[in-house]
Amino acid sequence: MKKFVSKMILALIATALVAGSASAATVYEKDGFKYQIKGDLQVQLRQKIGEDRDLNVDYDDLEIKNRVSYDLGNDLNAFAELDFGFKEAAEGDDDSINFEEAYVGMAYQDYSILVGNTDNAADEFGVFSGYESSIREDAFDAVGATSGNDLIRADLKFADMITVVLSHELEAENEDNGEATSTEIFVGAEFAGFELGLAYQNAEKDVTTDADDLRTWGVSVAYDAKVVWVGADYSATEDELQEYNVAVTVPISKVTLGAGYSYIDVDEDATQTLKSSKGVIADEEASAWYLNATYKFNKNVKVFAEIADNDIEGTDYDMGYLAGMQVKF
């Protein structure tokens, strides 16, 4: 079955690539029905921050996204998406094809609701602009509840200025991976070059190992002055942790230079999950920085490089670096 799925996906990719440059992602469109295929392939040479780390080929994104939609008339549309990930297969597990996202939904003008497996509203938060993070990107990421497979999500947009995202992960106690539930809201506003963001999450039951109920919130602000973009955010999970991020990007023709700094403070009595999950958190506080440069050939092809380091107490880490290429269609 897995071999059949692999062959089917490869055939769909080939179809999309020969469909014509102006609409390469549209496989079929007729009578209000549209089938689109999108790809995100990012491969990089990377040496992670740490002691005695070796340079390796890292597959950051290897995703194929399949989307269908039906125009039902009167500005009403039905849609569905099924996304596959090939990261683990590329790293040597030949039998591993992951279902990244799978959902169905309805949309009316700028409002939509969907049900399935996808990112929740908390994933919309933050100004982090690095390619890789050596500590968690924000408090929501540290809690580890930014997506779900029993998710109900609504996206609302008002006057092209205000975005509201609501989501709820069903408890699903009868499922093997159930008993974790969360509710999120994200509100974003854009005006006069400013970007404001507010997010809140209430996560319950086994979202982290030892915490039955965690409330996380965050606020962010950014300003795009065209010649430079700057942003900052703050997020916290009750008395467990708090994190600050600042980021700046400078576009120079087809090159964009970026830099950022993160600081995270974890309470000594925080849950073990928060203190040992990937991307730190090894001790009570840590900071990290990154510098990167990106060259865009066009909106779908870019090359990039980044250096980064952190100051986790009690370690003697070597600086990390990476260089890679991303191709989308």
C-alpha atoms as a PDB file:
ATOM      1  CA  MET A   1       0.000   0.000   0.000  1.00  0.00           C
ATOM      2  CA  LYS A   2       2.803   2.429   0.876  1.00  0.00           C
ATOM      3  CA  LYS A   3       4.526   1.734  -2.462  1.00  0.00           C
ATOM      4  CA  PHE A   4       1.248   2.434  -4.261  1.00  0.00           C
ATOM      5  CA  VAL A   5       0.811   5.728  -2.393  1.00  0.00           C
ATOM      6  CA  SER A   6       4.389   6.727  -3.250  1.00  0.00           C
ATOM      7  CA  LYS A   7       3.871   6.020  -6.952  1.00  0.00           C
ATOM      8  CA  MET A   8       0.567   7.895  -6.937  1.00  0.00           C
ATOM      9  CA  ILE A   9       2.152  10.978  -5.373  1.00  0.00           C
ATOM     10  CA  LEU A  10       5.074  10.951  -7.810  1.00  0.00           C
ATOM     11  CA  ALA A  11       2.641  10.736 -10.712  1.00  0.00           C
ATOM     12  CA  LEU A  12       0.697  13.721  -9.402  1.00  0.00           C
ATOM     13  CA  ILE A  13       3.908  15.731  -9.049  1.00  0.00           C
ATOM     14  CA  ALA A  14       4.876  14.977 -12.626  1.00  0.00           C
ATOM     15  CA  THR A  15       1.431  16.039 -13.830  1.00  0.00           C
ATOM     16  CA  ALA A  16       1.676  19.353 -12.005  1.00  0.00           C
ATOM     17  CA  LEU A  17       5.143  20.123 -13.285  1.00  0.00           C
ATOM     18  CA  VAL A  18       4.133  19.785 -16.933  1.00  0.00           C
ATOM     19  CA  ALA A  19       0.851  21.676 -16.573  1.00  0.00           C
ATOM     20  CA  GLY A  20       2.392  24.977 -17.700  1.00  0.00           C
ATOM     21  CA  SER A  21       4.385  27.662 -15.906  1.00  0.00           C
ATOM     22  CA  ALA A  22       1.481  30.056 -15.358  1.00  0.00           C
ATOM     23  CA  SER A  23      -0.650  27.491 -13.521  1.00  0.00           C
ATOM     24  CA  ALA A  24       1.805  24.745 -12.643  1.00  0.00           C
ATOM     25  CA  ALA A  25       0.018  23.921  -9.401  1.00  0.00           C
ATOM     26  CA  THR A  26      -3.414  23.412 -10.979  1.00  0.00           C
ATOM     27  CA  VAL A  27      -3.846  19.817 -12.101  1.00  0.00           C
ATOM     28  CA  TYR A  28      -7.512  20.008 -13.093  1.00  0.00           C
ATOM     29  CA  GLU A  29     -10.205  22.689 -13.172  1.00  0.00           C
ATOM     30  CA  LYS A  30     -13.716  22.390 -14.576  1.00  0.00           C
ATOM     31  CA  ASP A  31     -17.293  23.350 -13.689  1.00  0.00           C
ATOM     32  CA  GLY A  32     -16.382  24.925 -10.341  1.00  0.00           C
ATOM     33  CA  PHE A  33     -14.097  22.076  -9.303  1.00  0.00           C
ATOM     34  CA  LYS A  34     -10.367  22.694  -8.843  1.00  0.00           C
ATOM     35  CA  TYR A  35      -7.588  20.299  -7.900  1.00  0.00           C
ATOM     36  CA  GLN A  36      -4.242  21.844  -6.964  1.00  0.00           C
ATOM     37  CA  ILE A  37      -0.964  20.336  -5.918  1.00  0.00           C
ATOM     38  CA  LYS A  38       1.723  22.299  -4.083  1.00  0.00           C
ATOM     39  CA  GLY A  39       5.212  21.356  -3.045  1.00  0.00           C
ATOM     40  CA  ASP A  40       7.704  22.678  -0.487  1.00  0.00           C
ATOM     41  CA  LEU A  41      11.161  21.140  -0.741  1.00  0.00           C
ATOM     42  CA  GLN A  42      13.940  22.521   1.466  1.00  0.00           C
ATOM     43  CA  VAL A  43      17.270  20.744   1.735  1.00  0.00           C
ATOM     44  CA  GLN A  44      20.244  22.137   3.632  1.00  0.00           C
ATOM     45  CA  LEU A  45      23.747  21.338   4.774  1.00  0.00           C
ATOM     46  CA  ARG A  46      23.671  21.802   8.529  1.00  0.00           C
ATOM     47  CA  GLN A  47      25.895  21.461  11.545  1.00  0.00           C
ATOM     48  CA  LYS A  48      23.740  21.775  14.642  1.00  0.00           C
ATOM     49  CA  ILE A  49      24.775  23.731  17.717  1.00  0.00           C
ATOM     50  CA  GLY A  50      26.485  21.354  20.135  1.00  0.00           C
ATOM     51  CA  GLU A  51      29.634  19.450  20.996  1.00  0.00           C
ATOM     52  CA  ASP A  52      31.312  17.324  18.321  1.00  0.00           C
ATOM     53  CA  ARG A  53      28.488  17.739  15.824  1.00  0.00           C
ATOM     54  CA  ASP A  54      29.116  16.742  12.222  1.00  0.00           C
ATOM     55  CA  LEU A  55      27.950  18.432   9.041  1.00  0.00           C
ATOM     56  CA  ASN A  56      25.042  16.557   7.495  1.00  0.00           C
ATOM     57  CA  VAL A  57      22.297  16.899   4.891  1.00  0.00           C
ATOM     58  CA  ASP A  58      19.140  18.026   6.670  1.00  0.00           C
ATOM     59  CA  TYR A  59      15.688  17.744   5.099  1.00  0.00           C
ATOM     60  CA  ASP A  60      13.719  20.543   6.681  1.00  0.00           C
ATOM     61  CA  ASP A  61      10.647  20.519   4.462  1.00  0.00           C
ATOM     62  CA  LEU A  62       9.698  17.802   2.003  1.00  0.00           C
ATOM     63  CA  GLU A  63       5.958  18.269   1.642  1.00  0.00           C
ATOM     64  CA  ILE A  64       3.420  17.629  -1.086  1.00  0.00           C
ATOM     65  CA  LYS A  65       0.047  19.310  -0.543  1.00  0.00           C
ATOM     66  CA  ASN A  66      -3.089  18.198  -2.359  1.00  0.00           C
ATOM     67  CA  ARG A  67      -6.084  20.552  -2.272  1.00  0.00           C
ATOM     68  CA  VAL A  68      -9.509  20.262  -3.860  1.00  0.00           C
ATOM     69  CA  SER A  69     -12.274  22.855  -3.829  1.00  0.00           C
ATOM     70  CA  TYR A  70     -15.815  23.164  -5.159  1.00  0.00           C
ATOM     71  CA  ASP A  71     -17.539  26.434  -5.978  1.00  0.00           C
ATOM     72  CA  LEU A  72     -21.053  25.923  -4.574  1.00  0.00           C
ATOM     73  CA  GLY A  73     -22.309  29.327  -5.667  1.00  0.00           C
ATOM     74  CA  ASN A  74     -23.256  32.436  -3.698  1.00  0.00           C
ATOM     75  CA  ASP A  75     -19.625  32.852  -2.495  1.00  0.00           C
ATOM     76  CA  LEU A  76     -19.742  29.447  -0.773  1.00  0.00           C
ATOM     77  CA  ASN A  77     -16.912  26.965  -1.290  1.00  0.00           C
ATOM     78  CA  ALA A  78     -16.169  23.484  -0.011  1.00  0.00           C
ATOM     79  CA  PHE A  79     -12.526  22.441   0.309  1.00  0.00           C
ATOM     80  CA  ALA A  80     -10.337  19.593   1.486  1.00  0.00           C
ATOM     81  CA  GLU A  81      -6.590  19.133   1.848  1.00  0.00           C
ATOM     82  CA  LEU A  82      -4.331  16.104   2.222  1.00  0.00           C
ATOM     83  CA  ASP A  83      -0.603  16.723   2.780  1.00  0.00           C
ATOM     84  CA  PHE A  84       2.225  14.208   2.765  1.00  0.00           C
ATOM     85  CA  GLY A  85       5.670  14.610   4.360  1.00  0.00           C
ATOM     86  CA  PHE A  86       8.776  12.760   3.177  1.00  0.00           C
ATOM     87  CA  LYS A  87      11.374  14.046   5.672  1.00  0.00           C
ATOM     88  CA  GLU A  88      11.826  10.755   7.530  1.00  0.00           C
ATOM     89  CA  ALA A  89      11.867   8.759   4.297  1.00  0.00           C
ATOM     90  CA  ALA A  90      14.618  11.014   2.922  1.00  0.00           C
ATOM     91  CA  GLU A  91      16.634  10.464   6.086  1.00  0.00           C
ATOM     92  CA  GLY A  92      16.700   6.704   5.578  1.00  0.00           C
ATOM     93  CA  ASP A  93      13.341   5.308   6.669  1.00  0.00           C
ATOM     94  CA  ASP A  94      12.060   3.947   3.343  1.00  0.00           C
ATOM     95  CA  ASP A  95       8.681   2.990   4.780  1.00  0.00           C
ATOM     96  CA  SER A  96       7.946   6.351   6.335  1.00  0.00           C
ATOM     97  CA  ILE A  97       5.460   8.599   4.512  1.00  0.00           C
ATOM     98  CA  ASN A  98       3.790  10.877   7.026  1.00  0.00           C
ATOM     99  CA  PHE A  99       0.359  12.449   6.776  1.00  0.00           C
ATOM    100  CA  GLU A 100       1.175  16.045   7.670  1.00  0.00           C
ATOM    101  CA  GLU A 101      -2.323  17.514   7.375  1.00  0.00           C
ATOM    102  CA  ALA A 102      -5.770  16.187   6.502  1.00  0.00           C
ATOM    103  CA  TYR A 103      -8.962  18.214   6.801  1.00  0.00           C
ATOM    104  CA  VAL A 104     -12.241  19.262   5.176  1.00  0.00           C
ATOM    105  CA  GLY A 105     -14.030  22.583   5.444  1.00  0.00           C
ATOM    106  CA  MET A 106     -16.388  25.244   4.148  1.00  0.00           C
ATOM    107  CA  ALA A 107     -15.605  28.860   3.272  1.00  0.00           C
ATOM    108  CA  TYR A 108     -17.834  31.877   2.744  1.00  0.00           C
ATOM    109  CA  GLN A 109     -16.026  34.970   1.448  1.00  0.00           C
ATOM    110  CA  ASP A 110     -13.309  35.671   4.070  1.00  0.00           C
ATOM    111  CA  TYR A 111     -14.628  33.217   6.684  1.00  0.00           C
ATOM    112  CA  SER A 112     -13.867  29.504   6.875  1.00  0.00           C
ATOM    113  CA  ILE A 113     -14.215  26.561   9.224  1.00  0.00           C
ATOM    114  CA  LEU A 114     -12.445  23.213   8.983  1.00  0.00           C
ATOM    115  CA  VAL A 115     -12.226  19.915  10.836  1.00  0.00           C
ATOM    116  CA  GLY A 116      -9.285  17.516  10.856  1.00  0.00           C
ATOM    117  CA  ASN A 117      -5.529  17.404  11.402  1.00  0.00           C
ATOM    118  CA  THR A 118      -3.700  20.737  11.057  1.00  0.00           C
ATOM    119  CA  ASP A 119      -2.056  23.620  12.957  1.00  0.00           C
ATOM    120  CA  ASN A 120      -4.082  25.390  15.615  1.00  0.00           C
ATOM    121  CA  ALA A 121      -4.481  29.124  16.260  1.00  0.00           C
ATOM    122  CA  ALA A 122      -1.426  29.294  18.573  1.00  0.00           C
ATOM    123  CA  ASP A 123       0.829  28.401  15.631  1.00  0.00           C
ATOM    124  CA  GLU A 124       0.036  31.811  14.092  1.00  0.00           C
ATOM    125  CA  PHE A 125       1.887  33.636  16.903  1.00  0.00           C
ATOM    126  CA  GLY A 126       5.436  34.985  16.940  1.00  0.00           C
ATOM    127  CA  VAL A 127       8.090  37.026  15.116  1.00  0.00           C
ATOM    128  CA  PHE A 128      10.866  34.401  15.032  1.00  0.00           C
ATOM    129  CA  SER A 129      12.587  34.724  11.625  1.00  0.00           C
ATOM    130  CA  GLY A 130      15.318  32.091  11.760  1.00  0.00           C
ATOM    131  CA  TYR A 131      15.564  28.930   9.687  1.00  0.00           C
ATOM    132  CA  GLU A 132      16.267  26.766  12.749  1.00  0.00           C
ATOM    133  CA  SER A 133      15.691  27.346  16.454  1.00  0.00           C
ATOM    134  CA  SER A 134      18.112  26.169  19.129  1.00  0.00           C
ATOM    135  CA  ILE A 135      15.589  27.001  21.847  1.00  0.00           C
ATOM    136  CA  ARG A 136      11.834  26.913  21.520  1.00  0.00           C
ATOM    137  CA  GLU A 137      10.432  29.686  19.307  1.00  0.00           C
ATOM    138  CA  ASP A 138       7.877  30.843  21.895  1.00  0.00           C
ATOM    139  CA  ALA A 139       5.975  29.628  24.955  1.00  0.00           C
ATOM    140  CA  PHE A 140       3.290  27.972  22.821  1.00  0.00           C
ATOM    141  CA  ASP A 141       5.963  25.921  21.082  1.00  0.00           C
ATOM    142  CA  ALA A 142       7.506  25.023  24.446  1.00  0.00           C
ATOM    143  CA  VAL A 143       4.189  23.651  25.691  1.00  0.00           C
ATOM    144  CA  GLY A 144       4.144  21.546  22.544  1.00  0.00           C
ATOM    145  CA  ALA A 145       0.497  22.068  21.611  1.00  0.00           C
ATOM    146  CA  THR A 146       0.487  23.986  18.316  1.00  0.00           C
ATOM    147  CA  SER A 147      -1.317  21.382  16.210  1.00  0.00           C
ATOM    148  CA  GLY A 148      -3.872  18.616  16.624  1.00  0.00           C
ATOM    149  CA  ASN A 149      -5.513  15.708  14.846  1.00  0.00           C
ATOM    150  CA  ASP A 150      -8.968  16.157  16.412  1.00  0.00           C
ATOM    151  CA  LEU A 151      -9.084  19.862  15.610  1.00  0.00           C
ATOM    152  CA  ILE A 152     -11.902  22.272  14.808  1.00  0.00           C
ATOM    153  CA  ARG A 153     -10.598  25.592  13.465  1.00  0.00           C
ATOM    154  CA  ALA A 154     -12.233  28.809  12.237  1.00  0.00           C
ATOM    155  CA  ASP A 155     -10.445  31.598  10.321  1.00  0.00           C
ATOM    156  CA  LEU A 156     -12.117  35.003  10.078  1.00  0.00           C
ATOM    157  CA  LYS A 157     -10.862  38.083   8.240  1.00  0.00           C
ATOM    158  CA  PHE A 158     -12.365  41.549   8.536  1.00  0.00           C
ATOM    159  CA  ALA A 159     -11.722  44.390   6.073  1.00  0.00           C
ATOM    160  CA  ASP A 160      -8.273  42.986   5.168  1.00  0.00           C
ATOM    161  CA  MET A 161      -7.002  44.406   8.468  1.00  0.00           C
ATOM    162  CA  ILE A 162      -8.034  42.085  11.285  1.00  0.00           C
ATOM    163  CA  THR A 163      -7.580  38.327  11.395  1.00  0.00           C
ATOM    164  CA  VAL A 164      -9.138  36.115  14.059  1.00  0.00           C
ATOM    165  CA  VAL A 165      -8.335  32.412  14.356  1.00  0.00           C
ATOM    166  CA  LEU A 166     -10.157  30.132  16.794  1.00  0.00           C
ATOM    167  CA  SER A 167      -9.380  26.461  17.396  1.00  0.00           C
ATOM    168  CA  HIS A 168     -10.292  23.627  19.724  1.00  0.00           C
ATOM    169  CA  GLU A 169      -8.710  20.195  20.042  1.00  0.00           C
ATOM    170  CA  LEU A 170     -11.298  17.603  21.047  1.00  0.00           C
ATOM    171  CA  GLU A 171     -10.472  15.492  24.079  1.00  0.00           C
ATOM    172  CA  ALA A 172     -11.250  12.238  22.221  1.00  0.00           C
ATOM    173  CA  GLU A 173     -10.732   9.949  25.226  1.00  0.00           C
ATOM    174  CA  ASN A 174     -11.664   6.896  23.187  1.00  0.00           C
ATOM    175  CA  GLU A 175      -8.786   7.478  20.750  1.00  0.00           C
ATOM    176  CA  ASP A 176      -5.285   6.046  21.244  1.00  0.00           C
ATOM    177  CA  ASN A 177      -3.750   9.526  21.162  1.00  0.00           C
ATOM    178  CA  GLY A 178      -6.637  11.253  22.940  1.00  0.00           C
ATOM    179  CA  GLU A 179      -7.141  12.763  26.385  1.00  0.00           C
ATOM    180  CA  ALA A 180      -5.268  15.942  25.403  1.00  0.00           C
ATOM    181  CA  THR A 181      -7.436  18.964  24.759  1.00  0.00           C
ATOM    182  CA  SER A 182      -6.770  22.645  24.170  1.00  0.00           C
ATOM    183  CA  THR A 183      -8.506  25.837  23.099  1.00  0.00           C
ATOM    184  CA  GLU A 184      -6.776  28.712  21.326  1.00  0.00           C
ATOM    185  CA  ILE A 185      -7.465  32.169  19.962  1.00  0.00           C
ATOM    186  CA  PHE A 186      -5.228  34.402  17.857  1.00  0.00           C
ATOM    187  CA  VAL A 187      -6.026  37.985  16.880  1.00  0.00           C
ATOM    188  CA  GLY A 188      -3.863  39.850  14.392  1.00  0.00           C
ATOM    189  CA  ALA A 189      -4.168  43.410  13.093  1.00  0.00           C
ATOM    190  CA  GLU A 190      -2.332  45.218  10.297  1.00  0.00           C
ATOM    191  CA  PHE A 191      -2.428  48.981   9.728  1.00  0.00           C
ATOM    192  CA  ALA A 192      -0.011  51.699   8.575  1.00  0.00           C
ATOM    193  CA  GLY A 193       2.878  49.226   8.447  1.00  0.00           C
ATOM    194  CA  PHE A 194       2.255  47.837  11.926  1.00  0.00           C
ATOM    195  CA  GLU A 195       1.478  44.188  12.692  1.00  0.00           C
ATOM    196  CA  LEU A 196       0.000  43.381  16.097  1.00  0.00           C
ATOM    197  CA  GLY A 197      -0.685  39.921  17.476  1.00  0.00           C
ATOM    198  CA  LEU A 198      -2.396  38.522  20.567  1.00  0.00           C
ATOM    199  CA  ALA A 199      -2.711  34.815  21.367  1.00  0.00           C
ATOM    200  CA  TYR A 200      -4.100  32.719  24.214  1.00  0.00           C
ATOM    201  CA  GLN A 201      -4.234  28.983  24.846  1.00  0.00           C
ATOM    202  CA  ASN A 202      -5.727  26.802  27.552  1.00  0.00           C
ATOM    203  CA  ALA A 203      -4.224  23.305  27.300  1.00  0.00           C
ATOM    204  CA  GLU A 204      -5.391  20.473  29.517  1.00  0.00           C
ATOM    205  CA  LYS A 205      -4.642  16.837  30.288  1.00  0.00           C
ATOM    206  CA  ASP A 206      -1.324  15.414  29.165  1.00  0.00           C
ATOM    207  CA  VAL A 207      -0.373  18.130  26.697  1.00  0.00           C
ATOM    208  CA  THR A 208       2.738  18.118  28.844  1.00  0.00           C
ATOM    209  CA  THR A 209       3.811  15.240  31.049  1.00  0.00           C
ATOM    210  CA  ASP A 210       3.085  16.613  34.504  1.00  0.00           C
ATOM    211  CA  ALA A 211       0.684  19.493  33.895  1.00  0.00           C
ATOM    212  CA  ASP A 212      -3.087  19.024  33.880  1.00  0.00           C
ATOM    213  CA  ASP A 213      -3.928  22.599  32.950  1.00  0.00           C
ATOM    214  CA  LEU A 214      -1.585  25.154  31.342  1.00  0.00           C
ATOM    215  CA  ARG A 215      -2.570  28.642  30.261  1.00  0.00           C
ATOM    216  CA  THR A 216      -0.274  30.355  27.784  1.00  0.00           C
ATOM    217  CA  TRP A 217      -0.540  33.839  26.321  1.00  0.00           C
ATOM    218  CA  GLY A 218       1.529  36.087  24.095  1.00  0.00           C
ATOM    219  CA  VAL A 219       1.692  39.540  22.535  1.00  0.00           C
ATOM    220  CA  SER A 220       3.706  40.633  19.503  1.00  0.00           C
ATOM    221  CA  VAL A 221       4.334  43.828  17.552  1.00  0.00           C
ATOM    222  CA  ALA A 222       6.174  44.423  14.293  1.00  0.00           C
ATOM    223  CA  TYR A 223       6.705  47.355  11.954  1.00  0.00           C
ATOM    224  CA  ASP A 224       7.507  47.237   8.266  1.00  0.00           C
ATOM    225  CA  ALA A 225       9.268  50.403   7.138  1.00  0.00           C
ATOM    226  CA  LYS A 226       9.951  48.843   3.698  1.00  0.00           C
ATOM    227  CA  VAL A 227      13.712  49.373   4.103  1.00  0.00           C
ATOM    228  CA  VAL A 228      13.677  47.406   7.360  1.00  0.00           C
ATOM    229  CA  TRP A 229      11.251  45.142   9.248  1.00  0.00           C
ATOM    230  CA  VAL A 230      11.507  44.867  13.043  1.00  0.00           C
ATOM    231  CA  GLY A 231       9.473  42.736  15.439  1.00  0.00           C
ATOM    232  CA  ALA A 232       9.295  41.673  19.083  1.00  0.00           C
ATOM    233  CA  ASP A 233       7.162  39.264  21.053  1.00  0.00           C
ATOM    234  CA  TYR A 234       6.639  38.109  24.621  1.00  0.00           C
ATOM    235  CA  SER A 235       4.917  34.890  25.657  1.00  0.00           C
ATOM    236  CA  ALA A 236       4.474  33.118  28.983  1.00  0.00           C
ATOM    237  CA  THR A 237       2.967  29.958  30.442  1.00  0.00           C
ATOM    238  CA  GLU A 238       1.656  30.777  33.914  1.00  0.00           C
ATOM    239  CA  ASP A 239       4.596  30.382  36.337  1.00  0.00           C
ATOM    240  CA  GLU A 240       6.296  27.730  34.197  1.00  0.00           C
ATOM    241  CA  LEU A 241       8.235  29.854  31.684  1.00  0.00           C
ATOM    242  CA  GLN A 242       8.463  33.130  29.820  1.00  0.00           C
ATOM    243  CA  GLU A 243      10.188  33.956  26.549  1.00  0.00           C
ATOM    244  CA  TYR A 244      11.198  37.089  24.645  1.00  0.00           C
ATOM    245  CA  ASN A 245      12.038  37.379  20.937  1.00  0.00           C
ATOM    246  CA  VAL A 246      13.328  40.249  18.839  1.00  0.00           C
ATOM    247  CA  ALA A 247      13.933  40.025  15.097  1.00  0.00           C
ATOM    248  CA  VAL A 248      14.950  42.298  12.239  1.00  0.00           C
ATOM    249  CA  THR A 249      15.141  41.807   8.471  1.00  0.00           C
ATOM    250  CA  VAL A 250      16.602  44.146   5.862  1.00  0.00           C
ATOM    251  CA  PRO A 251      15.759  43.653   2.155  1.00  0.00           C
ATOM    252  CA  ILE A 252      18.468  44.688  -0.289  1.00  0.00           C
ATOM    253  CA  SER A 253      17.313  44.007  -3.848  1.00  0.00           C
ATOM    254  CA  LYS A 254      16.904  40.206  -4.045  1.00  0.00           C
ATOM    255  CA  VAL A 255      18.863  39.632  -0.819  1.00  0.00           C
ATOM    256  CA  THR A 256      17.287  39.759   2.643  1.00  0.00           C
ATOM    257  CA  LEU A 257      19.481  39.936   5.737  1.00  0.00           C
ATOM    258  CA  GLY A 258      18.001  38.761   9.032  1.00  0.00           C
ATOM    259  CA  ALA A 259      18.945  38.625  12.699  1.00  0.00           C
ATOM    260  CA  GLY A 260      17.242  37.632  15.905  1.00  0.00           C
ATOM    261  CA  TYR A 261      17.664  37.074  19.628  1.00  0.00           C
ATOM    262  CA  SER A 262      15.659  34.827  21.969  1.00  0.00           C
ATOM    263  CA  TYR A 263      15.655  34.574  25.742  1.00  0.00           C
ATOM    264  CA  ILE A 264      13.776  31.926  27.706  1.00  0.00           C
ATOM    265  CA  ASP A 265      13.388  31.619  31.473  1.00  0.00           C
ATOM    266  CA  VAL A 266      12.063  28.323  32.850  1.00  0.00           C
ATOM    267  CA  ASP A 267      11.007  27.964  36.465  1.00  0.00           C
ATOM    268  CA  GLU A 268      13.076  25.378  38.343  1.00  0.00           C
ATOM    269  CA  ASP A 269       9.870  23.549  39.250  1.00  0.00           C
ATOM    270  CA  ALA A 270       8.591  23.455  35.653  1.00  0.00           C
ATOM    271  CA  THR A 271       7.477  20.152  34.190  1.00  0.00           C
ATOM    272  CA  GLN A 272      10.147  17.813  32.885  1.00  0.00           C
ATOM    273  CA  THR A 273       8.630  18.039  29.423  1.00  0.00           C
ATOM    274  CA  LEU A 274       9.258  21.776  29.306  1.00  0.00           C
ATOM    275  CA  LYS A 275      12.809  21.325  30.603  1.00  0.00           C
ATOM    276  CA  SER A 276      13.930  18.586  28.228  1.00  0.00           C
ATOM    277  CA  SER A 277      11.884  18.850  25.037  1.00  0.00           C
ATOM    278  CA  LYS A 278      13.741  19.321  21.754  1.00  0.00           C
ATOM    279  CA  GLY A 279      15.133  22.744  21.105  1.00  0.00           C
ATOM    280  CA  VAL A 280      16.189  23.249  24.751  1.00  0.00           C
ATOM    281  CA  ILE A 281      15.174  23.571  27.629  1.00  0.00           C
ATOM    282  CA  ALA A 282      18.058  22.160  29.607  1.00  0.00           C
ATOM    283  CA  ASP A 283      18.296  24.592  32.504  1.00  0.00           C
ATOM    284  CA  GLU A 284      16.495  27.515  34.108  1.00  0.00           C
ATOM    285  CA  GLU A 285      17.386  30.113  31.495  1.00  0.00           C
ATOM    286  CA  ALA A 286      19.019  30.321  28.111  1.00  0.00           C
ATOM    287  CA  SER A 287      19.437  32.771  25.254  1.00  0.00           C
ATOM    288  CA  ALA A 288      20.153  32.277  21.574  1.00  0.00           C
ATOM    289  CA  TRP A 289      20.930  34.380  18.511  1.00  0.00           C
ATOM    290  CA  TYR A 290      20.979  33.865  14.754  1.00  0.00           C
ATOM    291  CA  LEU A 291      22.125  35.706  11.635  1.00  0.00           C
ATOM    292  CA  ASN A 292      20.973  34.720   8.161  1.00  0.00           C
ATOM    293  CA  ALA A 293      20.944  35.810   4.541  1.00  0.00           C
ATOM    294  CA  THR A 294      18.461  34.819   1.845  1.00  0.00           C
ATOM    295  CA  TYR A 295      18.689  35.284  -1.927  1.00  0.00           C
ATOM    296  CA  LYS A 296      15.408  34.925  -3.830  1.00  0.00           C
ATOM    297  CA  PHE A 297      15.618  34.103  -7.515  1.00  0.00           C
ATOM    298  CA  ASN A 298      11.828  34.442  -7.591  1.00  0.00           C
ATOM    299  CA  LYS A 299       8.929  33.805  -5.182  1.00  0.00           C
ATOM    300  CA  ASN A 300       9.392  30.029  -5.448  1.00  0.00           C
ATOM    301  CA  VAL A 301      13.191  29.554  -5.471  1.00  0.00           C
ATOM    302  CA  LYS A 302      15.670  30.779  -2.887  1.00  0.00           C
ATOM    303  CA  VAL A 303      19.049  29.951  -1.358  1.00  0.00           C
ATOM    304  CA  PHE A 304      20.030  30.851   2.186  1.00  0.00           C
ATOM    305  CA  ALA A 305      22.675  30.589   4.906  1.00  0.00           C
ATOM    306  CA  GLU A 306      22.545  30.988   8.682  1.00  0.00           C
ATOM    307  CA  ILE A 307      24.814  30.930  11.727  1.00  0.00           C
ATOM    308  CA  ALA A 308      23.487  30.551  15.278  1.00  0.00           C
ATOM    309  CA  ASP A 309      24.574  29.934  18.851  1.00  0.00           C
ATOM    310  CA  ASN A 310      23.177  29.770  22.394  1.00  0.00           C
ATOM    311  CA  ASP A 311      24.528  30.089  25.928  1.00  0.00           C
ATOM    312  CA  ILE A 312      22.961  27.168  27.762  1.00  0.00           C
ATOM    313  CA  GLU A 313      24.629  27.139  31.171  1.00  0.00           C
ATOM    314  CA  GLY A 314      27.104  24.343  31.883  1.00  0.00           C
ATOM    315  CA  THR A 315      27.785  23.485  28.245  1.00  0.00           C
ATOM    316  CA  ASP A 316      30.599  24.235  25.827  1.00  0.00           C
ATOM    317  CA  TYR A 317      28.712  24.212  22.550  1.00  0.00           C
ATOM    318  CA  ASP A 318      30.180  24.937  19.149  1.00  0.00           C
ATOM    319  CA  MET A 319      28.352  27.437  16.972  1.00  0.00           C
ATOM    320  CA  GLY A 320      25.944  25.974  14.442  1.00  0.00           C
ATOM    321  CA  TYR A 321      25.595  26.877  10.785  1.00  0.00           C
ATOM    322  CA  LEU A 322      23.659  25.857   7.703  1.00  0.00           C
ATOM    323  CA  ALA A 323      23.285  26.593   3.999  1.00  0.00           C
ATOM    324  CA  GLY A 324      20.487  25.392   1.801  1.00  0.00           C
ATOM    325  CA  MET A 325      17.970  25.812  -0.966  1.00  0.00           C
ATOM    326  CA  GLN A 326      14.174  25.882  -1.071  1.00  0.00           C
ATOM    327  CA  VAL A 327      12.026  25.185  -4.129  1.00  0.00           C
ATOM    328  CA  LYS A 328       8.244  25.546  -4.074  1.00  0.00           C
ATOM    329  CA  PHE A 329       5.572  24.950  -6.666  1.00  0.00           C
END
